[in-house]
PDB file of N, CA and C in Angstrom:
ATOM      1  N   MET A   1       0.799  -1.133  -0.016  1.00  0.00           N
ATOM      2  CA  MET A   1       0.030   0.049  -0.025  1.00  0.00           C
ATOM      3  C   MET A   1       0.934   1.239  -0.043  1.00  0.00           C
ATOM      4  N   ASN A   2       0.890   1.903  -1.080  1.00  0.00           N
ATOM      5  CA  ASN A   2       1.754   3.115  -1.274  1.00  0.00           C
ATOM      6  C   ASN A   2       1.001   4.401  -1.249  1.00  0.00           C
ATOM      7  N   LYS A   3      -0.195   4.455  -0.778  1.00  0.00           N
ATOM      8  CA  LYS A   3      -1.009   5.602  -0.619  1.00  0.00           C
ATOM      9  C   LYS A   3      -0.306   6.624   0.201  1.00  0.00           C
ATOM     10  N   THR A   4      -0.221   7.930  -0.215  1.00  0.00           N
ATOM     11  CA  THR A   4       0.320   8.935   0.483  1.00  0.00           C
ATOM     12  C   THR A   4      -0.614  10.101   0.427  1.00  0.00           C
ATOM     13  N   ASN A   5      -0.477  11.026   1.419  1.00  0.00           N
ATOM     14  CA  ASN A   5      -1.352  12.237   1.374  1.00  0.00           C
ATOM     15  C   ASN A   5      -0.622  13.283   0.728  1.00  0.00           C
ATOM     16  N   LYS A   6      -1.122  14.493   0.714  1.00  0.00           N
ATOM     17  CA  LYS A   6      -0.353  15.673  -0.021  1.00  0.00           C
ATOM     18  C   LYS A   6       0.940  15.977   0.651  1.00  0.00           C
ATOM     19  N   TYR A   7       1.226  15.454   1.816  1.00  0.00           N
ATOM     20  CA  TYR A   7       2.472  15.828   2.586  1.00  0.00           C
ATOM     21  C   TYR A   7       3.470  14.673   2.296  1.00  0.00           C
ATOM     22  N   GLY A   8       3.001  13.645   1.548  1.00  0.00           N
ATOM     23  CA  GLY A   8       3.906  12.536   1.403  1.00  0.00           C
ATOM     24  C   GLY A   8       3.966  11.448   2.540  1.00  0.00           C
ATOM     25  N   ILE A   9       3.018  11.593   3.401  1.00  0.00           N
ATOM     26  CA  ILE A   9       3.014  10.646   4.634  1.00  0.00           C
ATOM     27  C   ILE A   9       2.143   9.363   4.191  1.00  0.00           C
ATOM     28  N   PRO A  10       2.662   8.215   4.222  1.00  0.00           N
ATOM     29  CA  PRO A  10       1.875   7.014   3.843  1.00  0.00           C
ATOM     30  C   PRO A  10       0.828   6.786   4.849  1.00  0.00           C
ATOM     31  N   LEU A  11      -0.377   6.253   4.461  1.00  0.00           N
ATOM     32  CA  LEU A  11      -1.463   6.061   5.360  1.00  0.00           C
ATOM     33  C   LEU A  11      -1.080   5.111   6.607  1.00  0.00           C
ATOM     34  N   TRP A  12      -0.199   4.034   6.281  1.00  0.00           N
ATOM     35  CA  TRP A  12       0.160   3.185   7.375  1.00  0.00           C
ATOM     36  C   TRP A  12       1.026   3.851   8.461  1.00  0.00           C
ATOM     37  N   ARG A  13       1.550   5.146   8.200  1.00  0.00           N
ATOM     38  CA  ARG A  13       2.310   5.729   9.213  1.00  0.00           C
ATOM     39  C   ARG A  13       1.491   6.927   9.942  1.00  0.00           C
ATOM     40  N   LYS A  14       0.375   7.192   9.434  1.00  0.00           N
ATOM     41  CA  LYS A  14      -0.425   8.285   9.990  1.00  0.00           C
ATOM     42  C   LYS A  14      -1.103   7.815  11.374  1.00  0.00           C
ATOM     43  N   TYR A  15      -1.171   8.670  12.275  1.00  0.00           N
ATOM     44  CA  TYR A  15      -1.876   8.438  13.550  1.00  0.00           C
ATOM     45  C   TYR A  15      -3.480   8.565  13.415  1.00  0.00           C
ATOM     46  N   ILE A  16      -3.954   9.508  12.657  1.00  0.00           N
ATOM     47  CA  ILE A  16      -5.184   9.821  12.542  1.00  0.00           C
ATOM     48  C   ILE A  16      -5.539   9.679  10.984  1.00  0.00           C
ATOM     49  N   LEU A  17      -6.721   9.002  10.769  1.00  0.00           N
ATOM     50  CA  LEU A  17      -7.045   8.846   9.326  1.00  0.00           C
ATOM     51  C   LEU A  17      -8.444   9.523   9.208  1.00  0.00           C
ATOM     52  N   SER A  18      -8.741  10.147   8.029  1.00  0.00           N
ATOM     53  CA  SER A  18     -10.045  10.644   7.730  1.00  0.00           C
ATOM     54  C   SER A  18     -10.885   9.369   7.418  1.00  0.00           C
ATOM     55  N   VAL A  19     -12.218   9.506   7.453  1.00  0.00           N
ATOM     56  CA  VAL A  19     -13.030   8.337   7.160  1.00  0.00           C
ATOM     57  C   VAL A  19     -12.829   7.804   5.841  1.00  0.00           C
ATOM     58  N   GLN A  20     -12.641   8.703   4.802  1.00  0.00           N
ATOM     59  CA  GLN A  20     -12.272   8.197   3.498  1.00  0.00           C
ATOM     60  C   GLN A  20     -11.002   7.415   3.408  1.00  0.00           C
ATOM     61  N   GLU A  21      -9.871   7.861   4.173  1.00  0.00           N
ATOM     62  CA  GLU A  21      -8.535   7.132   4.197  1.00  0.00           C
ATOM     63  C   GLU A  21      -8.728   5.929   5.015  1.00  0.00           C
ATOM     64  N   ALA A  22      -9.533   5.898   6.107  1.00  0.00           N
ATOM     65  CA  ALA A  22      -9.747   4.689   6.775  1.00  0.00           C
ATOM     66  C   ALA A  22     -10.427   3.583   5.920  1.00  0.00           C
ATOM     67  N   SER A  23     -11.436   4.061   5.108  1.00  0.00           N
ATOM     68  CA  SER A  23     -12.189   3.236   4.325  1.00  0.00           C
ATOM     69  C   SER A  23     -11.117   2.552   3.264  1.00  0.00           C
ATOM     70  N   GLU A  24     -10.311   3.352   2.788  1.00  0.00           N
ATOM     71  CA  GLU A  24      -9.412   2.733   1.891  1.00  0.00           C
ATOM     72  C   GLU A  24      -8.298   1.906   2.582  1.00  0.00           C
ATOM     73  N   TYR A  25      -7.778   2.303   3.583  1.00  0.00           N
ATOM     74  CA  TYR A  25      -6.708   1.535   4.372  1.00  0.00           C
ATOM     75  C   TYR A  25      -7.130   0.205   4.750  1.00  0.00           C
ATOM     76  N   PHE A  26      -8.375   0.157   5.372  1.00  0.00           N
ATOM     77  CA  PHE A  26      -8.949  -1.057   6.018  1.00  0.00           C
ATOM     78  C   PHE A  26      -9.811  -1.803   5.068  1.00  0.00           C
ATOM     79  N   HIS A  27     -10.071  -1.328   3.856  1.00  0.00           N
ATOM     80  CA  HIS A  27     -10.917  -1.969   2.896  1.00  0.00           C
ATOM     81  C   HIS A  27     -12.228  -2.274   3.388  1.00  0.00           C
ATOM     82  N   ILE A  28     -12.819  -1.220   3.941  1.00  0.00           N
ATOM     83  CA  ILE A  28     -14.201  -1.283   4.464  1.00  0.00           C
ATOM     84  C   ILE A  28     -14.915  -0.121   3.672  1.00  0.00           C
ATOM     85  N   GLY A  29     -16.017  -0.424   3.150  1.00  0.00           N
ATOM     86  CA  GLY A  29     -16.874   0.535   2.431  1.00  0.00           C
ATOM     87  C   GLY A  29     -17.071   1.847   3.138  1.00  0.00           C
ATOM     88  N   TYR A  30     -16.981   2.888   2.490  1.00  0.00           N
ATOM     89  CA  TYR A  30     -17.271   4.258   3.239  1.00  0.00           C
ATOM     90  C   TYR A  30     -18.531   4.278   4.053  1.00  0.00           C
ATOM     91  N   LYS A  31     -19.600   3.789   3.274  1.00  0.00           N
ATOM     92  CA  LYS A  31     -20.892   3.946   3.985  1.00  0.00           C
ATOM     93  C   LYS A  31     -20.915   3.033   5.174  1.00  0.00           C
ATOM     94  N   LYS A  32     -20.333   1.904   5.159  1.00  0.00           N
ATOM     95  CA  LYS A  32     -20.298   0.943   6.255  1.00  0.00           C
ATOM     96  C   LYS A  32     -19.623   1.485   7.375  1.00  0.00           C
ATOM     97  N   LEU A  33     -18.372   2.168   7.170  1.00  0.00           N
ATOM     98  CA  LEU A  33     -17.683   2.777   8.241  1.00  0.00           C
ATOM     99  C   LEU A  33     -18.358   3.845   8.776  1.00  0.00           C
ATOM    100  N   ARG A  34     -19.037   4.685   7.996  1.00  0.00           N
ATOM    101  CA  ARG A  34     -19.868   5.840   8.566  1.00  0.00           C
ATOM    102  C   ARG A  34     -21.040   5.332   9.434  1.00  0.00           C
ATOM    103  N   LYS A  35     -21.561   4.168   9.105  1.00  0.00           N
ATOM    104  CA  LYS A  35     -22.715   3.535   9.903  1.00  0.00           C
ATOM    105  C   LYS A  35     -22.042   3.089  11.196  1.00  0.00           C
ATOM    106  N   LEU A  36     -20.947   2.517  11.137  1.00  0.00           N
ATOM    107  CA  LEU A  36     -20.237   1.940  12.433  1.00  0.00           C
ATOM    108  C   LEU A  36     -20.057   3.228  13.316  1.00  0.00           C
ATOM    109  N   ILE A  37     -19.573   4.401  12.808  1.00  0.00           N
ATOM    110  CA  ILE A  37     -19.265   5.564  13.611  1.00  0.00           C
ATOM    111  C   ILE A  37     -20.612   6.097  14.159  1.00  0.00           C
ATOM    112  N   ASP A  38     -21.609   6.205  13.278  1.00  0.00           N
ATOM    113  CA  ASP A  38     -22.838   6.662  13.834  1.00  0.00           C
ATOM    114  C   ASP A  38     -23.483   5.783  14.845  1.00  0.00           C
ATOM    115  N   GLU A  39     -23.246   4.549  14.821  1.00  0.00           N
ATOM    116  CA  GLU A  39     -23.709   3.686  15.859  1.00  0.00           C
ATOM    117  C   GLU A  39     -23.085   3.516  17.139  1.00  0.00           C
ATOM    118  N   HIS A  40     -21.746   4.018  17.123  1.00  0.00           N
ATOM    119  CA  HIS A  40     -20.890   3.920  18.250  1.00  0.00           C
ATOM    120  C   HIS A  40     -19.997   5.195  18.323  1.00  0.00           C
ATOM    121  N   PRO A  41     -20.647   6.310  18.525  1.00  0.00           N
ATOM    122  CA  PRO A  41     -20.005   7.604  18.351  1.00  0.00           C
ATOM    123  C   PRO A  41     -18.988   7.768  19.638  1.00  0.00           C
ATOM    124  N   GLU A  42     -19.133   6.973  20.637  1.00  0.00           N
ATOM    125  CA  GLU A  42     -18.258   7.192  21.845  1.00  0.00           C
ATOM    126  C   GLU A  42     -17.072   6.212  21.785  1.00  0.00           C
ATOM    127  N   GLU A  43     -16.867   5.372  20.830  1.00  0.00           N
ATOM    128  CA  GLU A  43     -15.800   4.489  20.843  1.00  0.00           C
ATOM    129  C   GLU A  43     -14.448   5.303  20.806  1.00  0.00           C
ATOM    130  N   GLU A  44     -13.541   4.600  21.521  1.00  0.00           N
ATOM    131  CA  GLU A  44     -12.155   5.321  21.680  1.00  0.00           C
ATOM    132  C   GLU A  44     -11.460   5.524  20.322  1.00  0.00           C
ATOM    133  N   PHE A  45     -11.774   4.754  19.362  1.00  0.00           N
ATOM    134  CA  PHE A  45     -10.983   5.093  18.103  1.00  0.00           C
ATOM    135  C   PHE A  45     -11.611   6.175  17.326  1.00  0.00           C
ATOM    136  N   ILE A  46     -12.580   6.783  17.747  1.00  0.00           N
ATOM    137  CA  ILE A  46     -13.058   7.967  17.020  1.00  0.00           C
ATOM    138  C   ILE A  46     -12.544   9.272  17.659  1.00  0.00           C
ATOM    139  N   LEU A  47     -11.930  10.175  16.927  1.00  0.00           N
ATOM    140  CA  LEU A  47     -11.585  11.482  17.389  1.00  0.00           C
ATOM    141  C   LEU A  47     -12.561  12.443  16.700  1.00  0.00           C
ATOM    142  N   TRP A  48     -13.235  13.251  17.421  1.00  0.00           N
ATOM    143  CA  TRP A  48     -14.226  14.187  16.765  1.00  0.00           C
ATOM    144  C   TRP A  48     -13.377  15.637  16.647  1.00  0.00           C
ATOM    145  N   ASN A  49     -13.412  16.000  15.380  1.00  0.00           N
ATOM    146  CA  ASN A  49     -12.858  17.297  15.088  1.00  0.00           C
ATOM    147  C   ASN A  49     -14.074  18.220  14.752  1.00  0.00           C
ATOM    148  N   GLY A  50     -14.716  18.833  15.730  1.00  0.00           N
ATOM    149  CA  GLY A  50     -16.005  19.458  15.664  1.00  0.00           C
ATOM    150  C   GLY A  50     -17.023  18.372  15.245  1.00  0.00           C
ATOM    151  N   THR A  51     -17.543  18.357  14.184  1.00  0.00           N
ATOM    152  CA  THR A  51     -18.547  17.406  13.925  1.00  0.00           C
ATOM    153  C   THR A  51     -18.063  16.377  12.932  1.00  0.00           C
ATOM    154  N   ARG A  52     -16.825  16.429  12.554  1.00  0.00           N
ATOM    155  CA  ARG A  52     -16.206  15.554  11.686  1.00  0.00           C
ATOM    156  C   ARG A  52     -15.451  14.409  12.333  1.00  0.00           C
ATOM    157  N   PRO A  53     -15.743  13.129  12.135  1.00  0.00           N
ATOM    158  CA  PRO A  53     -15.133  12.075  12.858  1.00  0.00           C
ATOM    159  C   PRO A  53     -13.728  11.715  12.054  1.00  0.00           C
ATOM    160  N   GLN A  54     -12.816  11.437  12.913  1.00  0.00           N
ATOM    161  CA  GLN A  54     -11.483  10.937  12.347  1.00  0.00           C
ATOM    162  C   GLN A  54     -11.249   9.612  13.136  1.00  0.00           C
ATOM    163  N   ILE A  55     -10.418   8.785  12.450  1.00  0.00           N
ATOM    164  CA  ILE A  55     -10.154   7.437  12.936  1.00  0.00           C
ATOM    165  C   ILE A  55      -8.770   7.266  13.450  1.00  0.00           C
ATOM    166  N   LYS A  56      -8.699   7.008  14.839  1.00  0.00           N
ATOM    167  CA  LYS A  56      -7.247   6.624  15.300  1.00  0.00           C
ATOM    168  C   LYS A  56      -6.961   5.320  14.797  1.00  0.00           C
ATOM    169  N   ARG A  57      -5.938   5.270  13.902  1.00  0.00           N
ATOM    170  CA  ARG A  57      -5.741   3.952  13.129  1.00  0.00           C
ATOM    171  C   ARG A  57      -5.388   2.873  14.096  1.00  0.00           C
ATOM    172  N   LYS A  58      -4.356   2.984  15.074  1.00  0.00           N
ATOM    173  CA  LYS A  58      -3.997   1.807  15.895  1.00  0.00           C
ATOM    174  C   LYS A  58      -5.233   1.291  16.738  1.00  0.00           C
ATOM    175  N   LEU A  59      -6.073   2.335  17.329  1.00  0.00           N
ATOM    176  CA  LEU A  59      -7.110   1.884  18.108  1.00  0.00           C
ATOM    177  C   LEU A  59      -8.239   1.287  17.317  1.00  0.00           C
ATOM    178  N   PHE A  60      -8.333   1.604  16.071  1.00  0.00           N
ATOM    179  CA  PHE A  60      -9.301   1.039  15.235  1.00  0.00           C
ATOM    180  C   PHE A  60      -8.957  -0.386  14.808  1.00  0.00           C
ATOM    181  N   GLU A  61      -7.671  -0.516  14.567  1.00  0.00           N
ATOM    182  CA  GLU A  61      -7.168  -1.873  14.354  1.00  0.00           C
ATOM    183  C   GLU A  61      -7.430  -2.870  15.614  1.00  0.00           C
ATOM    184  N   GLN A  62      -7.181  -2.272  16.746  1.00  0.00           N
ATOM    185  CA  GLN A  62      -7.546  -3.117  17.972  1.00  0.00           C
ATOM    186  C   GLN A  62      -9.036  -3.510  17.979  1.00  0.00           C
ATOM    187  N   TYR A  63      -9.811  -2.375  17.749  1.00  0.00           N
ATOM    188  CA  TYR A  63     -11.303  -2.581  17.773  1.00  0.00           C
ATOM    189  C   TYR A  63     -11.652  -3.720  16.928  1.00  0.00           C
ATOM    190  N   ILE A  64     -11.169  -3.712  15.691  1.00  0.00           N
ATOM    191  CA  ILE A  64     -11.454  -4.642  14.725  1.00  0.00           C
ATOM    192  C   ILE A  64     -11.146  -6.078  15.161  1.00  0.00           C
ATOM    193  N   ASP A  65      -9.894  -6.154  15.725  1.00  0.00           N
ATOM    194  CA  ASP A  65      -9.373  -7.485  16.100  1.00  0.00           C
ATOM    195  C   ASP A  65     -10.194  -8.065  17.302  1.00  0.00           C
ATOM    196  N   GLU A  66     -10.631  -7.165  18.179  1.00  0.00           N
ATOM    197  CA  GLU A  66     -11.184  -7.561  19.410  1.00  0.00           C
ATOM    198  C   GLU A  66     -12.772  -7.783  19.324  1.00  0.00           C
ATOM    199  N   LYS A  67     -13.416  -6.798  18.706  1.00  0.00           N
ATOM    200  CA  LYS A  67     -14.931  -6.788  18.694  1.00  0.00           C
ATOM    201  C   LYS A  67     -15.688  -7.081  17.454  1.00  0.00           C
ATOM    202  N   LEU A  68     -14.977  -7.043  16.268  1.00  0.00           N
ATOM    203  CA  LEU A  68     -15.685  -7.382  15.058  1.00  0.00           C
ATOM    204  C   LEU A  68     -15.398  -8.735  14.515  1.00  0.00           C
ATOM    205  N   THR A  69     -16.362  -9.517  14.165  1.00  0.00           N
ATOM    206  CA  THR A  69     -16.131 -10.727  13.546  1.00  0.00           C
ATOM    207  C   THR A  69     -16.439 -10.678  12.071  1.00  0.00           C
ATOM    208  N   ALA A  70     -17.330  -9.806  11.703  1.00  0.00           N
ATOM    209  CA  ALA A  70     -17.710  -9.541  10.350  1.00  0.00           C
ATOM    210  C   ALA A  70     -18.220  -8.102  10.250  1.00  0.00           C
ATOM    211  N   ILE A  71     -17.966  -7.540   9.008  1.00  0.00           N
ATOM    212  CA  ILE A  71     -18.427  -6.204   8.794  1.00  0.00           C
ATOM    213  C   ILE A  71     -19.414  -6.122   7.810  1.00  0.00           C
TER     214      ILE A  71
END
């Protein structure tokens, strides 16, 4: 995965991902990821920037490993 942002930082090195970046990185549909955020707005992996959610990459990886069996 060689995706980088406009600053040249690869997604796998970023601490915080936008919902679109997280969708691409984790191979989860954008709508499905938004639904997960809407259903669990208080989860640790979500960082709210005003009304815009952002995904804490490592915490979301842990969440997937521990709590999700299917998406």
